[in-house]
Amino acid sequence: MSSKNVLLMIPKKKEKISFRFSTEESGILYVQIPRTNLLERLSIKYLGQPAHHEVKLDELGSFVIQLCDGSYPVHVIEDRITEHFGCKAAPIRERLIAFLSILEANDWIEWREP
């Protein structure tokens, strides 16, 4: 994230990232990350390994990443979390910004300015 006001920035999930909803748990997402480097592509082709890594998110992470569609600034996402989870997600702002930082570090989201 840059030195700009992060609450006004708009996170958008990168196109390469896709979701799979859990069949066992309601509201839980698996993020599917394509395996794209040379060694991974060879292991997919010759060893029959899966073409994606899957990362299981918790209920809060699943909720947040669905809102990272390029429509909502961080402060609106924070408000939606408060409406949906209430005190259960506290401290909301710190957790949200930490989670978005992790998504950015893993190259799953990009930032748009308002």
Protein backbone atom coordinates (compact mmCIF):
# COMPACT_ATOMS: atom_id res chain seq x y z
CA MET A 1 0.00 0.00 0.00
CA SER A 2 1.17 3.48 -0.66
CA SER A 3 1.42 6.46 1.68
CA LYS A 4 -2.06 7.62 0.62
CA ASN A 5 -5.10 7.31 2.86
CA VAL A 6 -5.82 3.59 2.69
CA LEU A 7 -9.41 4.07 3.85
CA LEU A 8 -10.16 5.84 0.57
CA MET A 9 -8.36 3.34 -1.65
CA ILE A 10 -10.35 0.70 -3.53
CA PRO A 11 -9.08 -2.92 -3.52
CA LYS A 12 -9.79 -5.04 -6.59
CA LYS A 13 -9.16 -8.75 -6.86
CA LYS A 14 -6.81 -9.64 -9.70
CA GLU A 15 -8.31 -11.53 -12.61
CA LYS A 16 -5.99 -14.52 -12.15
CA ILE A 17 -7.56 -15.26 -8.74
CA SER A 18 -10.77 -17.26 -8.62
CA PHE A 19 -12.99 -18.61 -5.84
CA ARG A 20 -14.61 -21.88 -4.99
CA PHE A 21 -17.32 -21.94 -2.35
CA SER A 22 -17.01 -24.61 0.31
CA THR A 23 -19.57 -27.38 0.06
CA GLU A 24 -19.15 -28.24 3.75
CA GLU A 25 -19.30 -24.78 5.35
CA SER A 26 -21.65 -21.95 4.41
CA GLY A 27 -19.97 -18.65 3.56
CA ILE A 28 -16.46 -20.11 3.40
CA LEU A 29 -14.37 -19.58 0.28
CA TYR A 30 -11.35 -21.30 -1.15
CA VAL A 31 -9.16 -18.94 -3.15
CA GLN A 32 -7.72 -20.68 -6.19
CA ILE A 33 -4.26 -19.46 -7.20
CA PRO A 34 -2.95 -20.63 -10.56
CA ARG A 35 0.40 -22.39 -10.60
CA THR A 36 2.24 -20.59 -13.36
CA ASN A 37 6.02 -20.82 -13.01
CA LEU A 38 7.96 -23.24 -15.21
CA LEU A 39 8.51 -25.94 -12.59
CA GLU A 40 4.84 -25.87 -11.58
CA ARG A 41 3.66 -26.06 -15.19
CA LEU A 42 5.94 -29.06 -15.79
CA SER A 43 4.67 -30.81 -12.66
CA ILE A 44 1.09 -30.17 -13.80
CA LYS A 45 1.75 -31.53 -17.25
CA TYR A 46 3.95 -34.53 -16.45
CA LEU A 47 3.06 -35.44 -12.88
CA GLY A 48 -0.65 -34.70 -13.03
CA GLN A 49 -0.54 -32.20 -10.19
CA PRO A 50 -3.40 -29.70 -9.76
CA ALA A 51 -3.31 -26.49 -11.80
CA HIS A 52 -4.23 -24.35 -8.77
CA HIS A 53 -3.25 -23.97 -5.14
CA GLU A 54 -6.23 -23.60 -2.86
CA VAL A 55 -6.24 -21.44 0.25
CA LYS A 56 -9.16 -21.77 2.64
CA LEU A 57 -10.30 -18.48 4.12
CA ASP A 58 -12.17 -18.05 7.37
CA GLU A 59 -15.62 -16.45 7.51
CA LEU A 60 -14.27 -12.89 7.82
CA GLY A 61 -11.68 -13.32 5.05
CA SER A 62 -14.31 -14.86 2.77
CA PHE A 63 -16.61 -11.92 3.40
CA VAL A 64 -13.91 -9.31 2.77
CA ILE A 65 -12.43 -10.80 -0.40
CA GLN A 66 -15.86 -10.91 -2.02
CA LEU A 67 -16.09 -7.13 -1.49
CA CYS A 68 -12.72 -6.59 -3.21
CA ASP A 69 -14.37 -6.21 -6.60
CA GLY A 70 -13.23 -2.67 -7.33
CA SER A 71 -16.52 -1.11 -6.20
CA TYR A 72 -15.93 -0.38 -2.52
CA PRO A 73 -13.31 1.72 -0.77
CA VAL A 74 -11.79 0.30 2.39
CA HIS A 75 -13.93 2.46 4.70
CA VAL A 76 -17.11 1.03 3.12
CA ILE A 77 -15.77 -2.52 3.49
CA GLU A 78 -15.07 -1.69 7.15
CA ASP A 79 -18.69 -0.52 7.58
CA ARG A 80 -20.03 -3.68 5.94
CA ILE A 81 -17.94 -5.84 8.27
CA THR A 82 -19.31 -3.92 11.25
CA GLU A 83 -22.89 -4.43 10.02
CA HIS A 84 -22.41 -8.14 9.34
CA PHE A 85 -20.13 -9.28 12.20
CA GLY A 86 -20.49 -6.58 14.86
CA CYS A 87 -18.13 -6.87 17.84
CA LYS A 88 -17.12 -10.37 16.76
CA ALA A 89 -14.64 -8.88 14.25
CA ALA A 90 -13.06 -6.33 16.60
CA PRO A 91 -10.59 -4.68 16.15
CA ILE A 92 -12.06 -4.29 12.69
CA ARG A 93 -9.87 -1.62 11.10
CA GLU A 94 -6.58 -3.19 12.19
CA ARG A 95 -7.64 -6.68 11.08
CA LEU A 96 -8.97 -5.41 7.76
CA ILE A 97 -5.85 -3.45 6.88
CA ALA A 98 -3.59 -6.33 7.92
CA PHE A 99 -5.63 -8.76 5.78
CA LEU A 100 -5.56 -6.41 2.76
CA SER A 101 -1.80 -6.03 3.20
CA ILE A 102 -1.45 -9.82 3.08
CA LEU A 103 -3.61 -9.98 -0.06
CA GLU A 104 -1.47 -7.31 -1.69
CA ALA A 105 1.79 -9.03 -0.67
CA ASN A 106 0.53 -12.25 -2.27
CA ASP A 107 -0.39 -10.32 -5.45
CA TRP A 108 -4.09 -11.17 -5.13
CA ILE A 109 -5.39 -7.59 -5.23
CA GLU A 110 -4.52 -4.32 -6.86
CA TRP A 111 -5.39 -0.82 -5.70
CA ARG A 112 -7.45 1.82 -7.43
CA GLU A 113 -7.68 5.42 -6.36
CA PRO A 114 -11.10 7.00 -5.80
